PDB file of all heavy atoms in Angstrom:
ATOM      1  N   ALA A   1      -3.076  14.546  15.224  1.00  0.00           N
ATOM      2  CA  ALA A   1      -1.999  13.965  14.618  1.00  0.00           C
ATOM      3  C   ALA A   1      -0.932  14.915  14.102  1.00  0.00           C
ATOM      4  O   ALA A   1       0.329  14.734  14.230  1.00  0.00           O
ATOM      5  CB  ALA A   1      -2.371  13.006  13.461  1.00  0.00           C
ATOM      6  N   LEU A   2      -1.385  16.137  13.671  1.00  0.00           N
ATOM      7  CA  LEU A   2      -0.456  17.134  13.203  1.00  0.00           C
ATOM      8  C   LEU A   2       0.324  17.810  14.372  1.00  0.00           C
ATOM      9  O   LEU A   2       1.309  18.473  14.126  1.00  0.00           O
ATOM     10  CB  LEU A   2      -1.376  18.256  12.500  1.00  0.00           C
ATOM     11  CG  LEU A   2      -1.749  17.895  11.049  1.00  0.00           C
ATOM     12  CD1 LEU A   2      -2.880  18.854  10.645  1.00  0.00           C
ATOM     13  CD2 LEU A   2      -0.509  18.058  10.133  1.00  0.00           C
ATOM     14  N   GLU A   3      -0.065  17.557  15.618  1.00  0.00           N
ATOM     15  CA  GLU A   3       0.649  18.077  16.738  1.00  0.00           C
ATOM     16  C   GLU A   3       2.084  17.437  16.844  1.00  0.00           C
ATOM     17  O   GLU A   3       3.028  18.037  17.338  1.00  0.00           O
ATOM     18  CB  GLU A   3      -0.135  17.837  17.965  1.00  0.00           C
ATOM     19  CG  GLU A   3      -1.328  18.658  18.099  1.00  0.00           C
ATOM     20  CD  GLU A   3      -2.188  18.394  19.360  1.00  0.00           C
ATOM     21  OE1 GLU A   3      -1.757  17.620  20.124  1.00  0.00           O
ATOM     22  OE2 GLU A   3      -3.180  18.969  19.560  1.00  0.00           O
ATOM     23  N   THR A   4       2.177  16.200  16.295  1.00  0.00           N
ATOM     24  CA  THR A   4       3.488  15.529  16.346  1.00  0.00           C
ATOM     25  C   THR A   4       4.080  15.316  14.983  1.00  0.00           C
ATOM     26  O   THR A   4       5.308  15.111  14.831  1.00  0.00           O
ATOM     27  CB  THR A   4       3.283  14.135  17.070  1.00  0.00           C
ATOM     28  OG1 THR A   4       2.212  13.433  16.467  1.00  0.00           O
ATOM     29  CG2 THR A   4       2.991  14.311  18.489  1.00  0.00           C
ATOM     30  N   ASN A   5       3.375  15.209  14.021  1.00  0.00           N
ATOM     31  CA  ASN A   5       3.847  15.003  12.542  1.00  0.00           C
ATOM     32  C   ASN A   5       3.029  15.879  11.591  1.00  0.00           C
ATOM     33  O   ASN A   5       1.918  15.719  11.269  1.00  0.00           O
ATOM     34  CB  ASN A   5       3.622  13.541  12.165  1.00  0.00           C
ATOM     35  CG  ASN A   5       4.497  12.637  12.946  1.00  0.00           C
ATOM     36  OD1 ASN A   5       5.667  12.637  12.976  1.00  0.00           O
ATOM     37  ND2 ASN A   5       3.802  11.818  13.795  1.00  0.00           N
ATOM     38  N   LYS A   6       3.724  16.918  11.234  1.00  0.00           N
ATOM     39  CA  LYS A   6       3.215  17.917  10.366  1.00  0.00           C
ATOM     40  C   LYS A   6       3.421  17.600   8.844  1.00  0.00           C
ATOM     41  O   LYS A   6       4.536  17.594   8.469  1.00  0.00           O
ATOM     42  CB  LYS A   6       3.678  19.306  10.637  1.00  0.00           C
ATOM     43  CG  LYS A   6       2.902  20.000  11.760  1.00  0.00           C
ATOM     44  CD  LYS A   6       3.419  21.388  11.844  1.00  0.00           C
ATOM     45  CE  LYS A   6       2.480  22.222  12.884  1.00  0.00           C
ATOM     46  NZ  LYS A   6       2.246  21.562  14.136  1.00  0.00           N
ATOM     47  N   TYR A   7       2.356  17.177   8.101  1.00  0.00           N
ATOM     48  CA  TYR A   7       2.477  16.841   6.710  1.00  0.00           C
ATOM     49  C   TYR A   7       1.401  17.617   5.958  1.00  0.00           C
ATOM     50  O   TYR A   7       0.310  17.668   6.510  1.00  0.00           O
ATOM     51  CB  TYR A   7       2.328  15.329   6.566  1.00  0.00           C
ATOM     52  CG  TYR A   7       3.382  14.510   7.222  1.00  0.00           C
ATOM     53  CD1 TYR A   7       3.028  13.496   8.139  1.00  0.00           C
ATOM     54  CD2 TYR A   7       4.674  14.600   6.800  1.00  0.00           C
ATOM     55  CE1 TYR A   7       3.916  12.837   8.881  1.00  0.00           C
ATOM     56  CE2 TYR A   7       5.690  13.813   7.489  1.00  0.00           C
ATOM     57  CZ  TYR A   7       5.267  12.998   8.437  1.00  0.00           C
ATOM     58  OH  TYR A   7       6.161  12.110   9.077  1.00  0.00           O
ATOM     59  N   SER A   8       1.698  18.095   4.768  1.00  0.00           N
ATOM     60  CA  SER A   8       0.802  18.826   3.959  1.00  0.00           C
ATOM     61  C   SER A   8      -0.482  17.896   3.686  1.00  0.00           C
ATOM     62  O   SER A   8      -1.566  18.414   3.673  1.00  0.00           O
ATOM     63  CB  SER A   8       1.395  19.273   2.707  1.00  0.00           C
ATOM     64  OG  SER A   8       1.891  18.164   1.923  1.00  0.00           O
ATOM     65  N   ALA A   9      -0.195  16.643   3.355  1.00  0.00           N
ATOM     66  CA  ALA A   9      -1.370  15.740   3.032  1.00  0.00           C
ATOM     67  C   ALA A   9      -2.378  15.654   4.176  1.00  0.00           C
ATOM     68  O   ALA A   9      -3.502  15.505   4.039  1.00  0.00           O
ATOM     69  CB  ALA A   9      -0.801  14.373   2.734  1.00  0.00           C
ATOM     70  N   MET A  10      -1.913  15.730   5.439  1.00  0.00           N
ATOM     71  CA  MET A  10      -2.639  15.642   6.636  1.00  0.00           C
ATOM     72  C   MET A  10      -3.608  16.867   6.681  1.00  0.00           C
ATOM     73  O   MET A  10      -4.768  16.764   6.970  1.00  0.00           O
ATOM     74  CB  MET A  10      -1.900  15.598   7.857  1.00  0.00           C
ATOM     75  CG  MET A  10      -2.514  15.108   9.115  1.00  0.00           C
ATOM     76  SD  MET A  10      -2.588  13.270   9.126  1.00  0.00           S
ATOM     77  CE  MET A  10      -0.986  12.880   9.711  1.00  0.00           C
ATOM     78  N   TYR A  11      -3.022  18.175   6.339  1.00  0.00           N
ATOM     79  CA  TYR A  11      -3.938  19.387   6.307  1.00  0.00           C
ATOM     80  C   TYR A  11      -4.974  19.331   5.193  1.00  0.00           C
ATOM     81  O   TYR A  11      -5.948  19.737   5.324  1.00  0.00           O
ATOM     82  CB  TYR A  11      -2.936  20.593   6.056  1.00  0.00           C
ATOM     83  CG  TYR A  11      -2.381  21.080   7.327  1.00  0.00           C
ATOM     84  CD1 TYR A  11      -0.974  20.962   7.583  1.00  0.00           C
ATOM     85  CD2 TYR A  11      -3.031  21.669   8.237  1.00  0.00           C
ATOM     86  CE1 TYR A  11      -0.369  21.476   8.710  1.00  0.00           C
ATOM     87  CE2 TYR A  11      -2.508  22.221   9.557  1.00  0.00           C
ATOM     88  CZ  TYR A  11      -1.089  22.070   9.632  1.00  0.00           C
ATOM     89  OH  TYR A  11      -0.553  22.567  10.793  1.00  0.00           O
ATOM     90  N   ASP A  12      -4.479  18.662   4.115  1.00  0.00           N
ATOM     91  CA  ASP A  12      -5.315  18.502   2.923  1.00  0.00           C
ATOM     92  C   ASP A  12      -6.586  17.652   3.273  1.00  0.00           C
ATOM     93  O   ASP A  12      -7.731  17.948   2.956  1.00  0.00           O
ATOM     94  CB  ASP A  12      -4.679  17.887   1.803  1.00  0.00           C
ATOM     95  CG  ASP A  12      -5.490  17.691   0.555  1.00  0.00           C
ATOM     96  OD1 ASP A  12      -6.096  18.662   0.033  1.00  0.00           O
ATOM     97  OD2 ASP A  12      -5.722  16.538   0.057  1.00  0.00           O
ATOM     98  N   ASN A  13      -6.295  16.568   3.935  1.00  0.00           N
ATOM     99  CA  ASN A  13      -7.422  15.683   4.440  1.00  0.00           C
ATOM    100  C   ASN A  13      -8.254  16.406   5.532  1.00  0.00           C
ATOM    101  O   ASN A  13      -9.506  16.215   5.466  1.00  0.00           O
ATOM    102  CB  ASN A  13      -6.838  14.366   5.026  1.00  0.00           C
ATOM    103  CG  ASN A  13      -6.447  13.422   3.955  1.00  0.00           C
ATOM    104  OD1 ASN A  13      -7.263  12.977   3.106  1.00  0.00           O
ATOM    105  ND2 ASN A  13      -5.281  12.888   4.033  1.00  0.00           N
ATOM    106  N   MET A  14      -7.643  17.162   6.370  1.00  0.00           N
ATOM    107  CA  MET A  14      -8.446  17.875   7.359  1.00  0.00           C
ATOM    108  C   MET A  14      -9.291  18.909   6.735  1.00  0.00           C
ATOM    109  O   MET A  14     -10.479  19.045   7.071  1.00  0.00           O
ATOM    110  CB  MET A  14      -7.442  18.533   8.380  1.00  0.00           C
ATOM    111  CG  MET A  14      -8.223  19.170   9.528  1.00  0.00           C
ATOM    112  SD  MET A  14      -7.040  19.643  10.916  1.00  0.00           S
ATOM    113  CE  MET A  14      -6.076  20.964  10.053  1.00  0.00           C
ATOM    114  N   ALA A  15      -8.823  19.516   5.685  1.00  0.00           N
ATOM    115  CA  ALA A  15      -9.577  20.552   4.927  1.00  0.00           C
ATOM    116  C   ALA A  15     -10.771  19.817   4.311  1.00  0.00           C
ATOM    117  O   ALA A  15     -11.971  20.421   4.419  1.00  0.00           O
ATOM    118  CB  ALA A  15      -8.849  21.192   3.871  1.00  0.00           C
ATOM    119  N   LEU A  16     -10.634  18.642   3.745  1.00  0.00           N
ATOM    120  CA  LEU A  16     -11.938  17.933   3.155  1.00  0.00           C
ATOM    121  C   LEU A  16     -12.846  17.630   4.171  1.00  0.00           C
ATOM    122  O   LEU A  16     -13.990  17.585   3.842  1.00  0.00           O
ATOM    123  CB  LEU A  16     -11.261  16.772   2.451  1.00  0.00           C
ATOM    124  CG  LEU A  16     -12.312  15.945   1.496  1.00  0.00           C
ATOM    125  CD1 LEU A  16     -13.078  16.866   0.594  1.00  0.00           C
ATOM    126  CD2 LEU A  16     -11.610  14.810   0.825  1.00  0.00           C
ATOM    127  N   CYS A  17     -12.330  17.236   5.362  1.00  0.00           N
ATOM    128  CA  CYS A  17     -13.325  16.846   6.359  1.00  0.00           C
ATOM    129  C   CYS A  17     -14.147  18.023   6.893  1.00  0.00           C
ATOM    130  O   CYS A  17     -15.329  17.923   6.934  1.00  0.00           O
ATOM    131  CB  CYS A  17     -12.476  16.316   7.724  1.00  0.00           C
ATOM    132  SG  CYS A  17     -11.822  14.721   7.444  1.00  0.00           S
ATOM    133  N   TYR A  18     -13.515  19.196   7.036  1.00  0.00           N
ATOM    134  CA  TYR A  18     -14.139  20.428   7.334  1.00  0.00           C
ATOM    135  C   TYR A  18     -15.133  20.815   6.250  1.00  0.00           C
ATOM    136  O   TYR A  18     -16.326  21.233   6.517  1.00  0.00           O
ATOM    137  CB  TYR A  18     -13.250  21.524   7.618  1.00  0.00           C
ATOM    138  CG  TYR A  18     -12.595  21.568   8.922  1.00  0.00           C
ATOM    139  CD1 TYR A  18     -11.120  21.706   9.066  1.00  0.00           C
ATOM    140  CD2 TYR A  18     -13.227  21.287  10.049  1.00  0.00           C
ATOM    141  CE1 TYR A  18     -10.625  21.723  10.327  1.00  0.00           C
ATOM    142  CE2 TYR A  18     -12.626  21.197  11.297  1.00  0.00           C
ATOM    143  CZ  TYR A  18     -11.306  21.575  11.446  1.00  0.00           C
ATOM    144  OH  TYR A  18     -10.750  21.360  12.652  1.00  0.00           O
ATOM    145  N   PHE A  19     -14.681  20.701   4.939  1.00  0.00           N
ATOM    146  CA  PHE A  19     -15.553  20.973   3.875  1.00  0.00           C
ATOM    147  C   PHE A  19     -16.859  20.123   3.829  1.00  0.00           C
ATOM    148  O   PHE A  19     -18.035  20.660   3.677  1.00  0.00           O
ATOM    149  CB  PHE A  19     -14.856  20.813   2.540  1.00  0.00           C
ATOM    150  CG  PHE A  19     -15.721  21.072   1.362  1.00  0.00           C
ATOM    151  CD1 PHE A  19     -15.998  22.296   1.026  1.00  0.00           C
ATOM    152  CD2 PHE A  19     -16.133  19.996   0.456  1.00  0.00           C
ATOM    153  CE1 PHE A  19     -16.749  22.591  -0.102  1.00  0.00           C
ATOM    154  CE2 PHE A  19     -16.858  20.198  -0.498  1.00  0.00           C
ATOM    155  CZ  PHE A  19     -17.212  21.584  -0.870  1.00  0.00           C
ATOM    156  N   LYS A  20     -16.671  18.806   4.058  1.00  0.00           N
ATOM    157  CA  LYS A  20     -17.815  17.934   4.073  1.00  0.00           C
ATOM    158  C   LYS A  20     -18.665  18.144   5.312  1.00  0.00           C
ATOM    159  O   LYS A  20     -19.844  17.833   5.147  1.00  0.00           O
ATOM    160  CB  LYS A  20     -17.289  16.475   4.057  1.00  0.00           C
ATOM    161  CG  LYS A  20     -16.683  16.093   2.677  1.00  0.00           C
ATOM    162  CD  LYS A  20     -16.389  14.556   2.630  1.00  0.00           C
ATOM    163  CE  LYS A  20     -15.836  14.136   1.176  1.00  0.00           C
ATOM    164  NZ  LYS A  20     -15.678  12.701   1.137  1.00  0.00           N
ATOM    165  N   ALA A  21     -18.087  18.750   6.320  1.00  0.00           N
ATOM    166  CA  ALA A  21     -18.834  18.904   7.562  1.00  0.00           C
ATOM    167  C   ALA A  21     -19.611  20.323   7.472  1.00  0.00           C
ATOM    168  O   ALA A  21     -20.495  20.670   8.245  1.00  0.00           O
ATOM    169  CB  ALA A  21     -18.003  19.088   8.739  1.00  0.00           C
ATOM    170  N   GLY A  22     -19.300  21.034   6.371  1.00  0.00           N
ATOM    171  CA  GLY A  22     -19.931  22.282   5.951  1.00  0.00           C
ATOM    172  C   GLY A  22     -19.311  23.538   6.662  1.00  0.00           C
ATOM    173  O   GLY A  22     -19.917  24.536   6.648  1.00  0.00           O
ATOM    174  N   ASP A  23     -18.090  23.379   7.246  1.00  0.00           N
ATOM    175  CA  ASP A  23     -17.487  24.540   7.819  1.00  0.00           C
ATOM    176  C   ASP A  23     -16.385  25.003   6.792  1.00  0.00           C
ATOM    177  O   ASP A  23     -15.165  24.599   6.797  1.00  0.00           O
ATOM    178  CB  ASP A  23     -16.712  24.035   9.157  1.00  0.00           C
ATOM    179  CG  ASP A  23     -16.245  25.201  10.002  1.00  0.00           C
ATOM    180  OD1 ASP A  23     -15.873  26.224   9.334  1.00  0.00           O
ATOM    181  OD2 ASP A  23     -16.407  25.190  11.167  1.00  0.00           O
ATOM    182  N   ILE A  24     -16.736  25.908   5.938  1.00  0.00           N
ATOM    183  CA  ILE A  24     -15.918  26.358   4.814  1.00  0.00           C
ATOM    184  C   ILE A  24     -14.750  27.125   5.208  1.00  0.00           C
ATOM    185  O   ILE A  24     -13.616  26.950   4.755  1.00  0.00           O
ATOM    186  CB  ILE A  24     -16.779  27.184   3.792  1.00  0.00           C
ATOM    187  CG1 ILE A  24     -18.010  26.406   3.348  1.00  0.00           C
ATOM    188  CG2 ILE A  24     -15.899  27.616   2.608  1.00  0.00           C
ATOM    189  CD1 ILE A  24     -17.671  25.075   2.641  1.00  0.00           C
ATOM    190  N   SER A  25     -14.857  27.951   6.216  1.00  0.00           N
ATOM    191  CA  SER A  25     -13.793  28.792   6.787  1.00  0.00           C
ATOM    192  C   SER A  25     -12.766  27.988   7.186  1.00  0.00           C
ATOM    193  O   SER A  25     -11.526  28.213   6.985  1.00  0.00           O
ATOM    194  CB  SER A  25     -14.288  29.816   7.813  1.00  0.00           C
ATOM    195  OG  SER A  25     -14.773  29.159   8.919  1.00  0.00           O
ATOM    196  N   LEU A  26     -12.944  26.979   8.019  1.00  0.00           N
ATOM    197  CA  LEU A  26     -11.867  26.164   8.661  1.00  0.00           C
ATOM    198  C   LEU A  26     -11.261  25.258   7.425  1.00  0.00           C
ATOM    199  O   LEU A  26     -10.078  24.909   7.476  1.00  0.00           O
ATOM    200  CB  LEU A  26     -12.416  25.161   9.755  1.00  0.00           C
ATOM    201  CG  LEU A  26     -12.728  25.783  11.104  1.00  0.00           C
ATOM    202  CD1 LEU A  26     -13.316  24.852  12.022  1.00  0.00           C
ATOM    203  CD2 LEU A  26     -11.408  26.498  11.622  1.00  0.00           C
ATOM    204  N   ALA A  27     -12.030  24.872   6.471  1.00  0.00           N
ATOM    205  CA  ALA A  27     -11.590  24.112   5.352  1.00  0.00           C
ATOM    206  C   ALA A  27     -10.668  24.968   4.579  1.00  0.00           C
ATOM    207  O   ALA A  27      -9.516  24.479   4.140  1.00  0.00           O
ATOM    208  CB  ALA A  27     -12.740  23.642   4.507  1.00  0.00           C
ATOM    209  N   ILE A  28     -10.894  26.284   4.364  1.00  0.00           N
ATOM    210  CA  ILE A  28      -9.959  27.088   3.575  1.00  0.00           C
ATOM    211  C   ILE A  28      -8.784  27.332   4.385  1.00  0.00           C
ATOM    212  O   ILE A  28      -7.656  27.387   3.767  1.00  0.00           O
ATOM    213  CB  ILE A  28     -10.723  28.469   3.295  1.00  0.00           C
ATOM    214  CG1 ILE A  28     -11.857  28.400   2.397  1.00  0.00           C
ATOM    215  CG2 ILE A  28      -9.685  29.555   2.844  1.00  0.00           C
ATOM    216  CD1 ILE A  28     -12.669  29.510   2.239  1.00  0.00           C
ATOM    217  N   GLU A  29      -8.837  27.496   5.618  1.00  0.00           N
ATOM    218  CA  GLU A  29      -7.703  27.652   6.525  1.00  0.00           C
ATOM    219  C   GLU A  29      -6.802  26.425   6.411  1.00  0.00           C
ATOM    220  O   GLU A  29      -5.424  26.567   6.339  1.00  0.00           O
ATOM    221  CB  GLU A  29      -8.096  27.988   7.929  1.00  0.00           C
ATOM    222  CG  GLU A  29      -6.866  28.154   8.914  1.00  0.00           C
ATOM    223  CD  GLU A  29      -7.356  28.382  10.263  1.00  0.00           C
ATOM    224  OE1 GLU A  29      -8.595  28.616  10.540  1.00  0.00           O
ATOM    225  OE2 GLU A  29      -6.496  28.209  11.294  1.00  0.00           O
ATOM    226  N   ALA A  30      -7.277  25.293   6.551  1.00  0.00           N
ATOM    227  CA  ALA A  30      -6.575  24.006   6.565  1.00  0.00           C
ATOM    228  C   ALA A  30      -5.817  23.810   5.106  1.00  0.00           C
ATOM    229  O   ALA A  30      -4.746  23.495   5.102  1.00  0.00           O
ATOM    230  CB  ALA A  30      -7.376  22.822   6.965  1.00  0.00           C
ATOM    231  N   GLU A  31      -6.629  24.115   4.104  1.00  0.00           N
ATOM    232  CA  GLU A  31      -6.009  23.925   2.775  1.00  0.00           C
ATOM    233  C   GLU A  31      -4.923  24.942   2.512  1.00  0.00           C
ATOM    234  O   GLU A  31      -3.911  24.510   1.874  1.00  0.00           O
ATOM    235  CB  GLU A  31      -7.072  24.105   1.631  1.00  0.00           C
ATOM    236  CG  GLU A  31      -6.674  23.427   0.381  1.00  0.00           C
ATOM    237  CD  GLU A  31      -6.505  21.858   0.461  1.00  0.00           C
ATOM    238  OE1 GLU A  31      -7.251  21.202   1.033  1.00  0.00           O
ATOM    239  OE2 GLU A  31      -5.490  21.449  -0.092  1.00  0.00           O
ATOM    240  N   LYS A  32      -5.159  26.049   3.024  1.00  0.00           N
ATOM    241  CA  LYS A  32      -3.948  27.058   2.838  1.00  0.00           C
ATOM    242  C   LYS A  32      -2.692  26.495   3.459  1.00  0.00           C
ATOM    243  O   LYS A  32      -1.654  26.664   2.976  1.00  0.00           O
ATOM    244  CB  LYS A  32      -4.408  28.370   3.628  1.00  0.00           C
ATOM    245  CG  LYS A  32      -3.358  29.477   3.528  1.00  0.00           C
ATOM    246  CD  LYS A  32      -3.836  30.717   4.257  1.00  0.00           C
ATOM    247  CE  LYS A  32      -2.770  31.855   4.241  1.00  0.00           C
ATOM    248  NZ  LYS A  32      -3.162  33.061   4.975  1.00  0.00           N
ATOM    249  N   LYS A  33      -2.920  25.907   4.690  1.00  0.00           N
ATOM    250  CA  LYS A  33      -1.693  25.365   5.365  1.00  0.00           C
ATOM    251  C   LYS A  33      -1.142  24.186   4.588  1.00  0.00           C
ATOM    252  O   LYS A  33       0.097  24.051   4.559  1.00  0.00           O
ATOM    253  CB  LYS A  33      -2.076  25.023   6.842  1.00  0.00           C
ATOM    254  CG  LYS A  33      -2.316  26.135   7.774  1.00  0.00           C
ATOM    255  CD  LYS A  33      -2.750  25.612   9.073  1.00  0.00           C
ATOM    256  CE  LYS A  33      -3.035  26.810  10.118  1.00  0.00           C
ATOM    257  NZ  LYS A  33      -3.440  26.398  11.391  1.00  0.00           N
ATOM    258  N   ALA A  34      -2.059  23.440   3.955  1.00  0.00           N
ATOM    259  CA  ALA A  34      -1.446  22.392   3.080  1.00  0.00           C
ATOM    260  C   ALA A  34      -0.542  22.852   1.993  1.00  0.00           C
ATOM    261  O   ALA A  34       0.495  22.311   1.741  1.00  0.00           O
ATOM    262  CB  ALA A  34      -2.663  21.585   2.523  1.00  0.00           C
ATOM    263  N   VAL A  35      -1.013  23.990   1.305  1.00  0.00           N
ATOM    264  CA  VAL A  35      -0.265  24.615   0.307  1.00  0.00           C
ATOM    265  C   VAL A  35       1.037  25.141   0.761  1.00  0.00           C
ATOM    266  O   VAL A  35       2.139  24.839   0.173  1.00  0.00           O
ATOM    267  CB  VAL A  35      -0.997  25.769  -0.431  1.00  0.00           C
ATOM    268  CG1 VAL A  35      -0.163  26.501  -1.328  1.00  0.00           C
ATOM    269  CG2 VAL A  35      -2.269  25.157  -1.120  1.00  0.00           C
ATOM    270  N   GLU A  36       1.078  25.812   1.916  1.00  0.00           N
ATOM    271  CA  GLU A  36       2.214  26.444   2.468  1.00  0.00           C
ATOM    272  C   GLU A  36       3.250  25.332   2.833  1.00  0.00           C
ATOM    273  O   GLU A  36       4.448  25.437   2.636  1.00  0.00           O
ATOM    274  CB  GLU A  36       1.849  27.270   3.648  1.00  0.00           C
ATOM    275  CG  GLU A  36       1.078  28.514   3.322  1.00  0.00           C
ATOM    276  CD  GLU A  36       0.574  29.099   4.584  1.00  0.00           C
ATOM    277  OE1 GLU A  36       0.747  28.550   5.715  1.00  0.00           O
ATOM    278  OE2 GLU A  36       0.132  30.371   4.523  1.00  0.00           O
ATOM    279  N   LEU A  37       2.805  24.274   3.439  1.00  0.00           N
ATOM    280  CA  LEU A  37       3.715  23.219   3.804  1.00  0.00           C
ATOM    281  C   LEU A  37       4.292  22.519   2.742  1.00  0.00           C
ATOM    282  O   LEU A  37       5.428  22.074   2.652  1.00  0.00           O
ATOM    283  CB  LEU A  37       3.065  22.298   4.907  1.00  0.00           C
ATOM    284  CG  LEU A  37       3.871  21.283   5.698  1.00  0.00           C
ATOM    285  CD1 LEU A  37       5.004  22.006   6.495  1.00  0.00           C
ATOM    286  CD2 LEU A  37       3.005  20.667   6.696  1.00  0.00           C
TER     287      LEU A  37
END
């Protein structure tokens, strides 16, 4: 979805998904983008 509509809330949700999946590095990267955006 972010390929066509970039929203910080989308990155925030994606980070939470990665976190719950146990992929901490991808969660950190996604949340960083949420803050920047």
